[in-house]
Amino acid sequence: MATHHRPLHALLGGGAVADLLLWRRRNASAAAVAGASVVWFLFERAGYSLASVLSNALLLLVVILFFWAKSASLLNRPLPPVPNLEVSDVVVEKAVVRALVWVNKVLAVAHDIAIKRDRTVFIQRL
């Protein structure tokens, strides 16, 4: 069985983002790290968490799309280009299989701890 090796730069997309992540453009990468650090510091000082920032951004997006759709219907303009959000059966099946494996492992450990009274497993899982 032959394996196909791709360089990391190609796996990251091979463009400017890959150059930035791999520090090929040192000044831009340093500026990105410094900018992210400043934003993180400001959010910490303001008392924001990542969850609150993400939820506020998603709420703003929903409000913008709502007003865009309402104004488009009033002005006879096209609706906003929102993709059809569907989850395929293959993705659901893969998620179920992974979840099933994880749940079975958790139940096996719980069985070892509760029924067999295996203290070493209990201590290892702490």
Protein backbone atom coordinates (compact mmCIF):
# COMPACT_ATOMS: atom_id res chain seq x y z
CA MET A 1 0.00 0.00 0.00
CA ALA A 2 1.58 3.24 -1.16
CA THR A 3 1.21 6.30 0.97
CA HIS A 4 1.01 9.75 -0.53
CA HIS A 5 2.86 12.39 1.48
CA ARG A 6 1.93 16.01 1.05
CA PRO A 7 3.95 18.84 2.52
CA LEU A 8 2.45 20.74 5.44
CA HIS A 9 2.31 23.93 3.36
CA ALA A 10 0.05 22.16 0.84
CA LEU A 11 -2.12 20.70 3.63
CA LEU A 12 -2.69 24.21 4.99
CA GLY A 13 -3.89 25.46 1.62
CA GLY A 14 -0.59 26.55 0.13
CA GLY A 15 -1.42 30.27 0.11
CA ALA A 16 -0.85 33.33 2.23
CA VAL A 17 -2.52 31.75 5.28
CA ALA A 18 -0.15 28.78 5.11
CA ASP A 19 2.80 31.16 4.84
CA LEU A 20 1.52 33.06 7.88
CA LEU A 21 0.99 29.92 9.98
CA LEU A 22 4.38 28.45 9.05
CA TRP A 23 6.20 31.74 9.76
CA ARG A 24 7.49 32.05 6.20
CA ARG A 25 6.57 35.75 6.31
CA ARG A 26 8.05 36.57 9.72
CA ASN A 27 6.87 40.19 9.98
CA ALA A 28 3.26 39.29 9.10
CA SER A 29 3.30 36.31 11.48
CA ALA A 30 4.72 38.40 14.31
CA ALA A 31 2.10 41.10 13.64
CA ALA A 32 -0.66 38.46 13.73
CA VAL A 33 0.57 37.09 17.06
CA ALA A 34 0.94 40.59 18.50
CA GLY A 35 -2.52 41.59 17.26
CA ALA A 36 -4.13 38.46 18.67
CA SER A 37 -2.38 39.06 21.99
CA VAL A 38 -3.63 42.66 22.15
CA VAL A 39 -7.19 41.58 21.32
CA TRP A 40 -7.01 38.81 23.93
CA PHE A 41 -5.71 41.27 26.54
CA LEU A 42 -8.46 43.79 25.77
CA PHE A 43 -11.15 41.11 25.98
CA GLU A 44 -9.73 39.89 29.29
CA ARG A 45 -9.69 43.43 30.72
CA ALA A 46 -13.27 44.00 29.52
CA GLY A 47 -14.43 40.74 31.10
CA TYR A 48 -15.43 39.02 27.88
CA SER A 49 -14.99 35.31 27.30
CA LEU A 50 -14.67 33.51 23.99
CA ALA A 51 -18.21 32.16 24.32
CA SER A 52 -19.71 35.61 24.85
CA VAL A 53 -17.80 37.08 21.91
CA LEU A 54 -18.86 34.24 19.61
CA SER A 55 -22.49 34.41 20.73
CA ASN A 56 -22.60 38.18 20.22
CA ALA A 57 -21.04 37.82 16.76
CA LEU A 58 -23.55 35.13 15.77
CA LEU A 59 -26.43 37.23 17.10
CA LEU A 60 -25.23 40.20 15.06
CA LEU A 61 -25.00 37.99 11.96
CA VAL A 62 -28.56 36.71 12.46
CA VAL A 63 -29.88 40.26 12.93
CA ILE A 64 -28.08 41.48 9.78
CA LEU A 65 -29.41 38.56 7.73
CA PHE A 66 -32.94 39.15 9.10
CA PHE A 67 -32.97 42.82 8.13
CA TRP A 68 -31.36 42.04 4.76
CA ALA A 69 -34.06 39.46 3.99
CA LYS A 70 -36.88 41.78 5.13
CA SER A 71 -35.56 44.74 3.14
CA ALA A 72 -35.00 42.53 0.09
CA SER A 73 -38.62 41.44 0.10
CA LEU A 74 -39.79 45.06 0.45
CA LEU A 75 -37.48 46.42 -2.28
CA ASN A 76 -37.83 43.45 -4.68
CA ARG A 77 -34.12 42.60 -4.36
CA PRO A 78 -32.52 39.15 -4.17
CA LEU A 79 -32.37 37.43 -0.80
CA PRO A 80 -29.04 37.11 1.01
CA PRO A 81 -26.89 34.25 -0.27
CA VAL A 82 -27.29 31.81 2.59
CA PRO A 83 -26.23 28.23 1.79
CA ASN A 84 -28.66 25.37 2.24
CA LEU A 85 -27.78 24.06 5.69
CA GLU A 86 -28.17 20.30 5.66
CA VAL A 87 -26.32 17.49 7.37
CA SER A 88 -25.73 14.48 5.18
CA ASP A 89 -26.52 10.93 6.25
CA VAL A 90 -22.84 9.97 5.94
CA VAL A 91 -21.77 12.65 8.43
CA VAL A 92 -24.46 11.59 10.90
CA GLU A 93 -23.50 7.91 10.57
CA LYS A 94 -19.82 8.70 11.18
CA ALA A 95 -20.70 10.80 14.24
CA VAL A 96 -22.94 8.06 15.61
CA VAL A 97 -20.24 5.43 15.15
CA ARG A 98 -17.67 7.60 16.93
CA ALA A 99 -20.11 8.42 19.72
CA LEU A 100 -20.99 4.73 20.08
CA VAL A 101 -17.34 3.77 20.47
CA TRP A 102 -16.81 6.54 23.05
CA VAL A 103 -19.95 5.64 25.03
CA ASN A 104 -18.99 1.95 25.07
CA LYS A 105 -15.52 2.83 26.41
CA VAL A 106 -17.04 5.04 29.12
CA LEU A 107 -19.50 2.31 30.09
CA ALA A 108 -16.71 -0.29 30.23
CA VAL A 109 -14.67 1.93 32.55
CA ALA A 110 -17.76 2.61 34.68
CA HIS A 111 -18.41 -1.14 34.85
CA ASP A 112 -14.84 -1.81 35.96
CA ILE A 113 -15.10 0.84 38.66
CA ALA A 114 -18.60 0.08 39.94
CA ILE A 115 -18.99 -3.69 39.53
CA LYS A 116 -15.44 -5.03 39.68
CA ARG A 117 -14.44 -2.35 42.21
CA ASP A 118 -11.16 -1.82 40.42
CA ARG A 119 -9.60 1.07 42.34
CA THR A 120 -6.64 1.41 39.97
CA VAL A 121 -8.95 2.24 37.06
CA PHE A 122 -10.78 4.74 39.23
CA ILE A 123 -7.53 6.44 40.28
CA GLN A 124 -6.20 6.46 36.69
CA ARG A 125 -9.37 8.18 35.41
CA LEU A 126 -9.18 11.01 37.97
